[in-house]
N, C-alpha and C. Protein backbone atom coordinates (compact mmCIF):
# COMPACT_ATOMS: atom_id res chain seq x y z
N MET A 1 9.75 -10.91 -13.86
CA MET A 1 9.55 -9.55 -13.81
C MET A 1 7.81 -9.04 -13.96
N ALA A 2 7.43 -8.25 -13.27
CA ALA A 2 6.01 -7.79 -13.56
C ALA A 2 5.76 -6.99 -14.57
N VAL A 3 4.61 -7.53 -15.32
CA VAL A 3 4.13 -6.43 -16.30
C VAL A 3 4.23 -5.01 -16.04
N GLY A 4 5.00 -4.13 -17.17
CA GLY A 4 5.18 -2.86 -16.86
C GLY A 4 5.87 -2.60 -15.69
N TRP A 5 7.06 -3.26 -15.20
CA TRP A 5 8.01 -2.81 -14.43
C TRP A 5 9.20 -3.47 -14.40
N PRO A 6 10.37 -2.60 -14.29
CA PRO A 6 10.25 -1.15 -14.03
C PRO A 6 10.06 -0.24 -15.51
N VAL A 7 9.40 0.99 -14.85
CA VAL A 7 9.13 1.70 -16.04
C VAL A 7 9.00 3.22 -15.58
N GLU A 8 9.38 4.10 -16.63
CA GLU A 8 9.12 5.57 -16.34
C GLU A 8 8.08 6.26 -17.07
N LEU A 9 7.28 6.89 -16.68
CA LEU A 9 6.18 7.39 -17.29
C LEU A 9 6.24 9.03 -17.27
N VAL A 10 6.12 9.88 -18.40
CA VAL A 10 6.52 11.26 -18.30
C VAL A 10 5.31 11.83 -19.08
N ASP A 11 5.03 13.07 -18.59
CA ASP A 11 4.00 14.05 -19.32
C ASP A 11 4.72 15.46 -18.80
N GLY A 12 5.23 16.20 -19.97
CA GLY A 12 5.78 17.65 -19.46
C GLY A 12 7.03 17.37 -18.38
N ASP A 13 6.82 18.20 -17.41
CA ASP A 13 7.94 18.32 -16.47
C ASP A 13 7.55 17.38 -15.20
N VAL A 14 6.60 16.37 -15.45
CA VAL A 14 6.25 15.49 -14.34
C VAL A 14 6.71 14.09 -14.58
N ARG A 15 7.40 13.36 -13.90
CA ARG A 15 7.89 12.19 -14.23
C ARG A 15 7.53 11.03 -12.78
N LEU A 16 7.07 9.81 -13.31
CA LEU A 16 6.99 8.89 -12.29
C LEU A 16 8.38 7.88 -12.81
N ARG A 17 8.88 7.45 -11.74
CA ARG A 17 10.10 6.54 -12.03
C ARG A 17 10.03 5.84 -10.65
N PRO A 18 10.86 4.64 -10.90
CA PRO A 18 10.88 3.89 -9.70
C PRO A 18 11.55 4.53 -8.54
N LEU A 19 10.96 4.19 -7.17
CA LEU A 19 11.55 4.69 -6.11
C LEU A 19 12.94 3.96 -5.81
N ARG A 20 14.00 4.36 -5.51
CA ARG A 20 15.32 3.73 -5.39
C ARG A 20 15.70 4.12 -4.07
N ARG A 21 16.91 3.29 -3.63
CA ARG A 21 17.56 3.41 -2.29
C ARG A 21 18.22 4.79 -2.26
N ARG A 22 18.86 5.22 -3.39
CA ARG A 22 19.56 6.58 -3.09
C ARG A 22 18.76 7.64 -3.09
N ASP A 23 17.48 7.57 -3.35
CA ASP A 23 16.39 8.41 -2.82
C ASP A 23 16.26 8.84 -1.25
N GLY A 24 16.97 8.04 -0.70
CA GLY A 24 16.40 8.18 0.88
C GLY A 24 16.57 9.58 1.37
N ASP A 25 18.00 10.13 1.35
CA ASP A 25 18.11 11.73 1.81
C ASP A 25 17.02 12.45 1.41
N ALA A 26 16.88 12.55 0.19
CA ALA A 26 15.67 13.52 -0.34
C ALA A 26 14.30 13.25 0.04
N TRP A 27 13.87 11.81 0.07
CA TRP A 27 12.74 11.46 0.66
C TRP A 27 12.42 11.71 2.05
N MET A 28 13.44 11.45 2.92
CA MET A 28 13.44 11.55 4.44
C MET A 28 13.42 13.23 4.72
N ARG A 29 14.18 13.96 3.91
CA ARG A 29 14.17 15.37 4.05
C ARG A 29 12.58 15.95 3.58
N LEU A 30 11.96 15.45 2.77
CA LEU A 30 10.64 16.00 2.26
C LEU A 30 9.70 15.54 3.43
N ARG A 31 9.72 14.14 3.79
CA ARG A 31 8.80 13.88 4.67
C ARG A 31 8.68 14.83 6.20
N ALA A 32 10.35 14.81 6.45
CA ALA A 32 10.36 15.93 7.69
C ALA A 32 9.90 17.15 7.43
N GLU A 33 9.97 17.68 6.37
CA GLU A 33 9.69 19.27 6.26
C GLU A 33 8.13 19.27 6.12
N ASN A 34 7.37 18.19 5.62
CA ASN A 34 5.94 18.09 5.43
C ASN A 34 5.20 17.15 6.51
N VAL A 35 5.78 16.91 7.65
CA VAL A 35 5.08 16.39 8.60
C VAL A 35 3.58 16.76 8.97
N GLY A 36 3.54 17.79 9.14
CA GLY A 36 2.03 18.39 9.62
C GLY A 36 1.15 18.28 8.13
N TRP A 37 1.76 18.28 7.31
CA TRP A 37 0.89 18.17 5.87
C TRP A 37 0.56 16.85 5.67
N LEU A 38 1.22 15.82 5.93
CA LEU A 38 0.99 14.53 5.54
C LEU A 38 0.54 13.71 6.84
N GLU A 39 1.08 13.87 8.02
CA GLU A 39 0.80 12.93 8.89
C GLU A 39 -0.72 12.65 9.34
N PRO A 40 -1.58 13.59 9.15
CA PRO A 40 -3.00 13.10 9.45
C PRO A 40 -3.67 12.28 8.65
N TRP A 41 -2.98 11.94 7.46
CA TRP A 41 -3.62 10.91 6.39
C TRP A 41 -2.65 9.68 6.27
N ASP A 42 -1.74 9.53 6.84
CA ASP A 42 -0.79 8.46 6.90
C ASP A 42 -1.39 7.38 7.39
N ALA A 43 -1.35 6.05 6.99
CA ALA A 43 -1.92 4.85 7.71
C ALA A 43 -1.03 4.64 8.65
N THR A 44 -1.54 3.84 9.88
CA THR A 44 -0.89 3.52 10.99
C THR A 44 -1.38 2.14 11.19
N SER A 45 -0.42 1.41 12.01
CA SER A 45 -0.77 -0.03 12.23
C SER A 45 -1.47 -0.10 13.65
N PRO A 46 -2.81 -0.96 13.54
CA PRO A 46 -3.84 -1.13 14.54
C PRO A 46 -2.97 -1.87 15.95
N GLU A 47 -1.88 -2.57 15.48
CA GLU A 47 -1.13 -3.41 16.65
C GLU A 47 -0.14 -2.63 16.93
N PRO A 48 0.45 -2.81 18.20
CA PRO A 48 1.88 -1.97 18.59
C PRO A 48 3.01 -2.77 17.67
N VAL A 49 3.74 -1.65 17.00
CA VAL A 49 4.88 -1.96 15.95
C VAL A 49 6.08 -2.42 17.04
N ARG A 50 6.46 -3.79 17.13
CA ARG A 50 7.78 -4.05 17.98
C ARG A 50 8.83 -4.16 16.99
N GLY A 51 10.15 -3.82 17.70
CA GLY A 51 11.44 -3.97 17.14
C GLY A 51 11.59 -2.53 16.53
N PRO A 52 12.94 -2.69 15.69
CA PRO A 52 13.18 -1.14 15.18
C PRO A 52 12.61 -0.91 13.95
N ARG A 53 12.43 0.22 13.52
CA ARG A 53 11.68 0.65 12.26
C ARG A 53 12.67 0.09 11.10
N PRO A 54 11.88 0.00 10.00
CA PRO A 54 12.77 -0.55 8.94
C PRO A 54 13.45 0.86 8.40
N THR A 55 14.73 0.73 7.89
CA THR A 55 15.29 1.60 7.15
C THR A 55 14.71 1.84 5.82
N PHE A 56 14.99 2.96 5.34
CA PHE A 56 14.64 3.43 3.80
C PHE A 56 15.02 2.52 3.02
N GLY A 57 16.07 2.04 2.86
CA GLY A 57 16.48 0.99 2.16
C GLY A 57 15.65 -0.58 2.25
N GLN A 58 15.26 -0.74 3.31
CA GLN A 58 14.43 -1.86 3.68
C GLN A 58 13.05 -1.51 3.12
N PHE A 59 12.49 -0.54 3.29
CA PHE A 59 11.40 -0.10 2.61
C PHE A 59 11.44 -0.13 1.12
N VAL A 60 12.34 0.40 0.59
CA VAL A 60 12.30 0.40 -0.87
C VAL A 60 12.56 -1.15 -1.39
N ARG A 61 13.38 -1.88 -0.56
CA ARG A 61 13.48 -3.34 -1.11
C ARG A 61 12.17 -3.96 -1.08
N ALA A 62 11.34 -3.73 0.22
CA ALA A 62 10.15 -4.32 0.31
C ALA A 62 9.13 -3.85 -0.95
N LEU A 63 9.08 -2.77 -1.24
CA LEU A 63 8.26 -2.33 -2.16
C LEU A 63 8.76 -2.92 -3.77
N ALA A 64 10.28 -2.85 -3.96
CA ALA A 64 10.50 -3.48 -5.05
C ALA A 64 10.15 -5.07 -5.42
N ALA A 65 9.99 -5.63 -4.04
CA ALA A 65 9.76 -7.10 -4.21
C ALA A 65 8.33 -7.24 -4.70
N GLN A 66 7.37 -6.45 -3.98
CA GLN A 66 6.12 -6.44 -4.37
C GLN A 66 6.00 -6.04 -5.97
N ALA A 67 6.83 -5.08 -6.50
CA ALA A 67 6.65 -4.80 -8.03
C ALA A 67 7.18 -6.22 -8.62
N ARG A 68 8.15 -6.53 -8.31
CA ARG A 68 8.53 -7.96 -9.26
C ARG A 68 7.69 -8.83 -9.21
N ASP A 69 6.70 -8.93 -7.96
CA ASP A 69 5.56 -9.84 -8.05
C ASP A 69 4.32 -9.33 -8.50
N GLY A 70 4.22 -8.14 -9.10
CA GLY A 70 3.11 -8.14 -9.71
C GLY A 70 1.95 -7.50 -8.97
N GLN A 71 2.41 -7.23 -7.61
CA GLN A 71 1.45 -6.66 -6.83
C GLN A 71 1.37 -5.15 -6.34
N ALA A 72 2.29 -4.48 -6.91
CA ALA A 72 2.39 -2.92 -6.44
C ALA A 72 3.44 -2.41 -7.50
N LEU A 73 3.20 -0.98 -7.66
CA LEU A 73 4.02 -0.45 -8.56
C LEU A 73 4.77 1.17 -7.56
N PRO A 74 6.02 0.83 -7.24
CA PRO A 74 6.04 2.01 -6.15
C PRO A 74 6.88 3.27 -7.04
N PHE A 75 6.27 4.14 -7.42
CA PHE A 75 6.76 5.33 -8.23
C PHE A 75 7.23 6.43 -7.10
N ALA A 76 8.31 6.96 -7.72
CA ALA A 76 8.88 8.52 -7.17
C ALA A 76 8.15 9.41 -7.93
N VAL A 77 7.67 10.55 -7.55
CA VAL A 77 7.21 11.68 -8.46
C VAL A 77 8.20 12.48 -8.29
N GLU A 78 8.57 13.01 -9.59
CA GLU A 78 9.38 14.14 -9.92
C GLU A 78 8.80 15.25 -10.45
N HIS A 79 9.15 16.55 -10.31
CA HIS A 79 8.77 17.84 -11.14
C HIS A 79 10.15 18.60 -11.25
N GLU A 80 10.36 18.58 -12.50
CA GLU A 80 11.46 19.24 -12.89
C GLU A 80 12.85 18.68 -12.43
N ARG A 81 12.86 17.20 -12.62
CA ARG A 81 13.92 16.47 -12.17
C ARG A 81 14.23 16.27 -10.64
N ALA A 82 13.27 16.79 -9.85
CA ALA A 82 13.52 16.99 -8.42
C ALA A 82 12.46 15.98 -7.75
N LEU A 83 12.71 15.43 -6.67
CA LEU A 83 11.75 14.28 -6.12
C LEU A 83 10.92 15.26 -5.19
N VAL A 84 9.48 15.22 -5.59
CA VAL A 84 8.30 15.90 -4.64
C VAL A 84 7.54 14.97 -4.15
N GLY A 85 7.49 13.76 -4.32
CA GLY A 85 6.64 13.00 -3.67
C GLY A 85 6.61 11.18 -4.05
N GLN A 86 5.54 10.72 -3.93
CA GLN A 86 5.56 9.12 -4.03
C GLN A 86 4.17 9.04 -4.54
N LEU A 87 4.11 7.98 -5.60
CA LEU A 87 2.51 7.29 -5.74
C LEU A 87 3.02 5.99 -6.08
N THR A 88 2.02 5.10 -5.36
CA THR A 88 2.11 3.58 -5.35
C THR A 88 0.68 3.17 -5.98
N VAL A 89 0.85 2.34 -6.72
CA VAL A 89 -0.25 1.36 -7.28
C VAL A 89 -0.02 0.12 -6.35
N SER A 90 -1.15 -0.03 -5.91
CA SER A 90 -1.15 -1.36 -5.00
C SER A 90 -2.45 -2.00 -5.37
N ALA A 91 -2.53 -3.28 -4.45
CA ALA A 91 -3.82 -3.92 -4.52
C ALA A 91 -3.87 -4.51 -6.05
N ILE A 92 -3.05 -4.77 -6.71
CA ILE A 92 -3.11 -5.06 -8.15
C ILE A 92 -3.86 -6.45 -8.42
N GLN A 93 -4.96 -6.50 -8.78
CA GLN A 93 -5.49 -7.89 -8.97
C GLN A 93 -5.96 -8.07 -10.53
N TYR A 94 -6.02 -9.43 -10.84
CA TYR A 94 -6.21 -9.90 -12.06
C TYR A 94 -7.39 -10.64 -12.23
N GLY A 95 -7.51 -11.55 -13.12
CA GLY A 95 -8.65 -12.51 -13.00
C GLY A 95 -9.91 -11.69 -13.47
N SER A 96 -11.12 -11.93 -12.85
CA SER A 96 -12.53 -11.50 -13.18
C SER A 96 -12.51 -9.79 -12.69
N LEU A 97 -11.73 -9.55 -11.88
CA LEU A 97 -11.61 -7.93 -11.40
C LEU A 97 -11.01 -7.25 -11.83
N ARG A 98 -9.57 -7.26 -12.21
CA ARG A 98 -8.69 -6.64 -12.92
C ARG A 98 -8.65 -5.17 -12.46
N SER A 99 -8.31 -4.97 -11.13
CA SER A 99 -8.28 -3.73 -10.65
C SER A 99 -7.09 -3.33 -9.79
N ALA A 100 -6.97 -2.15 -9.44
CA ALA A 100 -5.96 -1.60 -8.55
C ALA A 100 -6.23 -0.41 -8.00
N ALA A 101 -5.39 -0.03 -6.71
CA ALA A 101 -5.68 1.09 -5.93
C ALA A 101 -4.61 2.08 -6.26
N ILE A 102 -4.68 3.36 -6.14
CA ILE A 102 -3.35 4.31 -6.23
C ILE A 102 -3.54 5.12 -4.94
N GLY A 103 -2.41 5.25 -4.29
CA GLY A 103 -2.24 6.11 -3.23
C GLY A 103 -1.04 7.17 -3.52
N TYR A 104 -1.01 8.14 -3.00
CA TYR A 104 0.26 9.27 -3.00
C TYR A 104 0.25 10.29 -2.33
N TRP A 105 1.35 10.96 -2.13
CA TRP A 105 1.51 12.18 -1.29
C TRP A 105 2.62 13.22 -2.28
N VAL A 106 2.58 14.53 -1.97
CA VAL A 106 3.37 15.16 -2.50
C VAL A 106 3.65 16.45 -1.42
N SER A 107 5.01 17.08 -1.81
CA SER A 107 5.32 18.04 -0.73
C SER A 107 4.51 19.16 -1.05
N ARG A 108 4.07 19.84 0.11
CA ARG A 108 3.10 21.04 0.18
C ARG A 108 3.88 22.17 -0.69
N HIS A 109 4.98 22.34 -0.92
CA HIS A 109 5.63 23.53 -1.70
C HIS A 109 5.14 23.23 -2.97
N VAL A 110 4.79 22.06 -3.67
CA VAL A 110 4.29 21.77 -5.11
C VAL A 110 2.67 21.73 -5.12
N ALA A 111 2.11 21.38 -4.04
CA ALA A 111 0.74 21.48 -4.19
C ALA A 111 -0.06 22.40 -4.86
N GLY A 112 -1.15 21.97 -5.90
CA GLY A 112 -2.02 23.13 -6.39
C GLY A 112 -1.35 23.43 -7.88
N ARG A 113 -0.20 22.74 -8.31
CA ARG A 113 0.37 23.05 -9.52
C ARG A 113 -0.07 21.92 -10.73
N GLY A 114 -0.92 21.09 -10.19
CA GLY A 114 -1.42 20.06 -11.45
C GLY A 114 -0.47 18.77 -11.39
N ILE A 115 0.59 18.91 -10.26
CA ILE A 115 1.48 17.84 -10.41
C ILE A 115 0.80 16.57 -10.01
N THR A 116 0.36 16.11 -8.99
CA THR A 116 -0.62 15.40 -8.34
C THR A 116 -1.64 14.61 -9.44
N PRO A 117 -2.49 15.32 -9.87
CA PRO A 117 -3.25 15.04 -10.86
C PRO A 117 -2.70 14.49 -12.19
N THR A 118 -1.58 15.27 -12.59
CA THR A 118 -0.60 14.59 -13.75
C THR A 118 -0.16 13.19 -13.36
N ALA A 119 0.18 12.93 -12.33
CA ALA A 119 0.75 11.87 -11.92
C ALA A 119 -0.24 10.76 -11.70
N VAL A 120 -1.43 11.05 -11.08
CA VAL A 120 -2.39 10.02 -11.01
C VAL A 120 -2.93 9.77 -12.33
N ALA A 121 -2.96 10.36 -13.48
CA ALA A 121 -3.62 10.37 -14.63
C ALA A 121 -2.48 9.46 -15.37
N LEU A 122 -1.09 9.43 -15.29
CA LEU A 122 -0.19 8.85 -15.89
C LEU A 122 -0.23 7.41 -15.35
N ALA A 123 -0.34 7.38 -13.94
CA ALA A 123 -0.42 6.00 -13.36
C ALA A 123 -1.48 5.13 -13.89
N THR A 124 -2.92 5.96 -13.99
CA THR A 124 -4.22 5.24 -14.33
C THR A 124 -3.97 4.73 -15.82
N ASP A 125 -3.28 5.55 -16.71
CA ASP A 125 -3.18 5.03 -18.03
C ASP A 125 -2.30 3.88 -18.10
N HIS A 126 -1.19 3.89 -17.50
CA HIS A 126 -0.41 2.77 -17.41
C HIS A 126 -1.20 1.64 -16.76
N CYS A 127 -2.07 1.69 -15.97
CA CYS A 127 -2.75 0.56 -15.69
C CYS A 127 -3.75 -0.19 -16.32
N PHE A 128 -4.29 0.89 -17.20
CA PHE A 128 -5.33 0.43 -18.28
C PHE A 128 -4.59 -0.06 -19.79
N GLY A 129 -3.53 0.47 -19.79
CA GLY A 129 -2.88 0.09 -21.07
C GLY A 129 -1.94 -1.03 -20.71
N ALA A 130 -0.92 -0.88 -20.07
CA ALA A 130 0.12 -1.75 -20.24
C ALA A 130 -0.05 -3.05 -19.21
N LEU A 131 -0.61 -2.83 -18.20
CA LEU A 131 -1.38 -3.68 -17.17
C LEU A 131 -2.75 -4.46 -17.57
N GLY A 132 -3.32 -3.86 -18.52
CA GLY A 132 -4.60 -4.38 -18.95
C GLY A 132 -5.65 -4.50 -17.68
N LEU A 133 -5.48 -3.72 -17.00
CA LEU A 133 -6.36 -3.56 -15.87
C LEU A 133 -7.78 -2.82 -16.17
N HIS A 134 -8.90 -3.04 -15.59
CA HIS A 134 -10.38 -2.63 -16.13
C HIS A 134 -10.55 -1.30 -15.10
N ARG A 135 -10.18 -1.48 -13.88
CA ARG A 135 -10.70 -0.58 -12.76
C ARG A 135 -9.32 -0.07 -11.96
N VAL A 136 -9.47 1.54 -11.75
CA VAL A 136 -8.68 1.90 -10.71
C VAL A 136 -9.12 3.02 -9.67
N GLU A 137 -9.13 2.74 -8.40
CA GLU A 137 -9.70 3.39 -7.48
C GLU A 137 -8.63 4.04 -6.50
N VAL A 138 -9.23 5.28 -6.05
CA VAL A 138 -8.63 6.03 -5.12
C VAL A 138 -9.36 6.05 -3.77
N ASN A 139 -8.72 5.87 -2.52
CA ASN A 139 -9.63 5.94 -1.40
C ASN A 139 -9.03 7.41 -0.66
N ILE A 140 -10.11 8.07 -0.16
CA ILE A 140 -9.77 9.39 0.48
C ILE A 140 -10.50 9.45 1.58
N ARG A 141 -9.91 10.28 2.64
CA ARG A 141 -10.72 10.59 3.78
C ARG A 141 -11.34 11.78 3.45
N PRO A 142 -12.82 11.95 3.99
CA PRO A 142 -13.57 12.95 3.73
C PRO A 142 -13.08 14.32 4.06
N GLU A 143 -12.38 14.38 5.02
CA GLU A 143 -11.77 15.70 5.33
C GLU A 143 -10.51 16.15 4.49
N ASN A 144 -10.08 15.38 3.85
CA ASN A 144 -8.83 15.48 2.92
C ASN A 144 -8.88 16.50 1.67
N GLY A 145 -9.20 17.56 1.87
CA GLY A 145 -9.58 18.63 0.61
C GLY A 145 -8.65 18.74 -0.26
N PRO A 146 -7.35 18.77 -0.37
CA PRO A 146 -6.69 18.68 -1.44
C PRO A 146 -6.75 17.38 -2.11
N SER A 147 -6.84 16.34 -1.63
CA SER A 147 -6.96 15.03 -2.24
C SER A 147 -8.35 14.87 -3.15
N LEU A 148 -9.24 15.31 -2.46
CA LEU A 148 -10.53 15.32 -2.80
C LEU A 148 -10.52 16.15 -4.22
N ARG A 149 -9.73 17.20 -4.32
CA ARG A 149 -9.59 18.08 -5.53
C ARG A 149 -8.98 17.54 -6.55
N VAL A 150 -8.02 16.58 -6.19
CA VAL A 150 -7.41 15.67 -7.33
C VAL A 150 -8.45 14.88 -8.01
N VAL A 151 -8.89 13.95 -7.41
CA VAL A 151 -10.11 13.28 -8.01
C VAL A 151 -11.22 13.88 -8.70
N GLU A 152 -11.49 15.29 -8.13
CA GLU A 152 -12.40 15.92 -8.96
C GLU A 152 -11.86 16.35 -10.03
N LYS A 153 -10.82 16.92 -10.44
CA LYS A 153 -10.27 17.66 -11.48
C LYS A 153 -10.14 16.42 -12.39
N LEU A 154 -9.85 15.25 -12.01
CA LEU A 154 -9.77 13.97 -12.94
C LEU A 154 -11.05 13.39 -13.55
N GLY A 155 -11.98 13.82 -12.74
CA GLY A 155 -13.49 13.18 -13.31
C GLY A 155 -13.72 11.80 -12.68
N PHE A 156 -12.97 11.26 -11.30
CA PHE A 156 -13.32 10.06 -10.66
C PHE A 156 -14.56 10.18 -10.44
N ARG A 157 -15.27 9.01 -10.50
CA ARG A 157 -16.50 8.63 -9.89
C ARG A 157 -16.61 8.35 -8.32
N ASP A 158 -17.62 9.06 -7.50
CA ASP A 158 -17.58 9.08 -6.21
C ASP A 158 -18.48 7.70 -5.92
N GLU A 159 -17.93 6.71 -5.46
CA GLU A 159 -18.66 5.50 -5.30
C GLU A 159 -19.12 5.34 -3.92
N GLY A 160 -18.99 6.25 -2.98
CA GLY A 160 -19.55 6.29 -1.72
C GLY A 160 -18.58 6.11 -0.49
N LEU A 161 -19.21 5.95 0.60
CA LEU A 161 -18.35 5.88 1.75
C LEU A 161 -17.97 4.51 2.28
N ARG A 162 -16.96 4.49 2.82
CA ARG A 162 -16.47 3.01 3.48
C ARG A 162 -16.30 3.47 4.75
N GLU A 163 -17.01 2.81 5.71
CA GLU A 163 -16.89 3.37 7.06
C GLU A 163 -15.83 2.43 7.83
N ARG A 164 -14.90 3.36 8.65
CA ARG A 164 -13.95 2.56 9.30
C ARG A 164 -13.08 1.64 8.42
N TYR A 165 -12.57 2.27 7.08
CA TYR A 165 -11.91 1.35 6.20
C TYR A 165 -10.73 1.38 6.53
N LEU A 166 -9.65 2.39 7.22
CA LEU A 166 -8.24 2.44 7.18
C LEU A 166 -7.93 2.96 8.72
N HIS A 167 -6.97 2.29 9.38
CA HIS A 167 -6.40 2.65 10.33
C HIS A 167 -5.47 3.65 10.26
N ILE A 168 -5.58 4.92 10.98
CA ILE A 168 -4.90 6.17 10.75
C ILE A 168 -4.67 6.84 12.03
N GLN A 169 -3.57 7.18 12.49
CA GLN A 169 -3.39 7.89 13.79
C GLN A 169 -4.58 7.32 14.97
N GLY A 170 -4.24 6.01 15.07
CA GLY A 170 -4.93 5.36 16.13
C GLY A 170 -6.60 5.30 16.08
N ARG A 171 -7.09 5.51 14.94
CA ARG A 171 -8.62 5.19 14.78
C ARG A 171 -8.80 4.89 13.39
N TRP A 172 -9.79 3.87 13.38
CA TRP A 172 -10.30 3.33 12.14
C TRP A 172 -11.14 4.57 11.36
N ARG A 173 -10.53 5.08 10.33
CA ARG A 173 -11.26 6.05 9.57
C ARG A 173 -12.22 5.82 8.45
N ASP A 174 -13.21 6.79 8.48
CA ASP A 174 -13.92 6.61 7.39
C ASP A 174 -13.25 6.99 6.18
N HIS A 175 -13.30 6.43 4.58
CA HIS A 175 -13.00 6.92 3.55
C HIS A 175 -14.02 6.84 2.39
N ARG A 176 -13.95 7.89 1.42
CA ARG A 176 -14.84 7.90 0.35
C ARG A 176 -14.06 7.16 -0.87
N THR A 177 -14.56 6.32 -1.56
CA THR A 177 -14.07 5.72 -2.81
C THR A 177 -14.19 6.37 -4.04
N PHE A 178 -13.32 6.66 -4.95
CA PHE A 178 -13.60 7.04 -6.18
C PHE A 178 -12.98 6.18 -7.29
N ALA A 179 -13.34 6.11 -8.31
CA ALA A 179 -12.95 5.12 -9.19
C ALA A 179 -13.43 5.49 -10.65
N LEU A 180 -12.45 4.99 -11.72
CA LEU A 180 -12.66 4.97 -13.03
C LEU A 180 -12.50 3.61 -13.64
N THR A 181 -13.23 3.22 -14.72
CA THR A 181 -12.98 2.18 -15.38
C THR A 181 -12.70 2.50 -17.02
N THR A 182 -12.09 1.36 -17.58
CA THR A 182 -11.64 1.69 -18.88
C THR A 182 -12.73 2.48 -19.63
N GLU A 183 -13.88 2.17 -19.42
CA GLU A 183 -15.04 2.69 -20.29
C GLU A 183 -15.26 4.27 -20.11
N ASP A 184 -14.80 4.58 -18.87
CA ASP A 184 -14.92 6.14 -18.22
C ASP A 184 -14.04 7.15 -19.45
N VAL A 185 -12.83 6.34 -19.84
CA VAL A 185 -11.76 7.43 -20.15
C VAL A 185 -11.18 6.61 -21.65
N PRO A 186 -12.01 6.37 -22.63
CA PRO A 186 -11.49 5.60 -23.93
C PRO A 186 -10.54 6.35 -24.45
N GLU A 187 -10.19 8.00 -24.42
CA GLU A 187 -9.39 8.60 -24.96
C GLU A 187 -7.99 8.63 -24.20
N GLY A 188 -8.05 7.89 -23.04
CA GLY A 188 -6.91 8.09 -22.06
C GLY A 188 -7.45 9.20 -20.82
N LEU A 189 -6.64 8.82 -19.56
CA LEU A 189 -7.07 10.04 -18.69
C LEU A 189 -5.93 11.29 -18.53
N VAL A 190 -4.93 11.12 -19.06
CA VAL A 190 -3.95 11.96 -19.32
C VAL A 190 -4.38 13.13 -20.43
N ALA A 191 -4.94 12.55 -21.59
CA ALA A 191 -5.56 13.30 -22.53
C ALA A 191 -6.78 14.01 -22.12
N ARG A 192 -7.64 13.49 -21.14
CA ARG A 192 -8.63 14.15 -20.73
C ARG A 192 -8.44 15.20 -19.71
N TRP A 193 -7.35 15.05 -18.87
CA TRP A 193 -6.71 16.06 -17.96
C TRP A 193 -6.07 17.20 -18.90
N HIS A 194 -5.53 16.92 -19.77
CA HIS A 194 -4.99 18.24 -20.65
C HIS A 194 -6.31 19.08 -21.12
N ARG A 195 -7.30 18.30 -21.46
CA ARG A 195 -8.38 18.91 -22.10
C ARG A 195 -9.02 19.78 -21.14
N ARG A 196 -9.30 19.22 -20.12
CA ARG A 196 -9.78 19.83 -18.89
C ARG A 196 -9.03 21.28 -18.52
N ARG A 197 -7.83 20.94 -18.40
CA ARG A 197 -7.05 22.00 -17.92
C ARG A 197 -7.07 23.31 -18.97
N ALA A 198 -7.06 22.98 -20.39
CA ALA A 198 -7.13 23.85 -21.32
C ALA A 198 -8.46 24.59 -21.39
N HIS A 199 -9.68 24.04 -20.74
CA HIS A 199 -10.74 24.89 -20.80
C HIS A 199 -11.09 25.23 -19.35
N ALA A 200 -10.29 25.03 -18.28
CA ALA A 200 -10.65 25.62 -17.14
C ALA A 200 -10.62 27.26 -17.04
């Protein structure tokens, strides 16, 4: 079993917990309701995808296998006990790098309430604490205003542009990389996020 998995992370009415097969109906409904909100940022394959698309159950099983291998942490994002999105810690590496990347999406109907920054802060603290990582990054398209506001609120450092970084909607798209290391948040990111919200 991977270090730190399975795990539930909670702050107020925001909870991260393992994504499960029984989330299928709610997850599919959220994605359908938010297709215009989410599709411009969804990664796509540069190669034609052959054969049937994986079922939600197969999708969850693949993510769970990555979690067991210590490669990823696939979280469901809940607000007030309702599924509102997904956050995945991926590209977990140890050795001399000790780094991971965080990707996320939430339903448009809860955007702007502080749910996503809280979820990212919870996951970052877990990476730095339980997993013993040193660096966490988030990669965002320059046009994605809502995601840019998340990392701005949390104080992630802008490390510059990665040209043609990820394949999205049929093209290789530029992304900006934002990162934190443990030295940046000795008090923990959740604690810093609460302090910033209190003084906003």
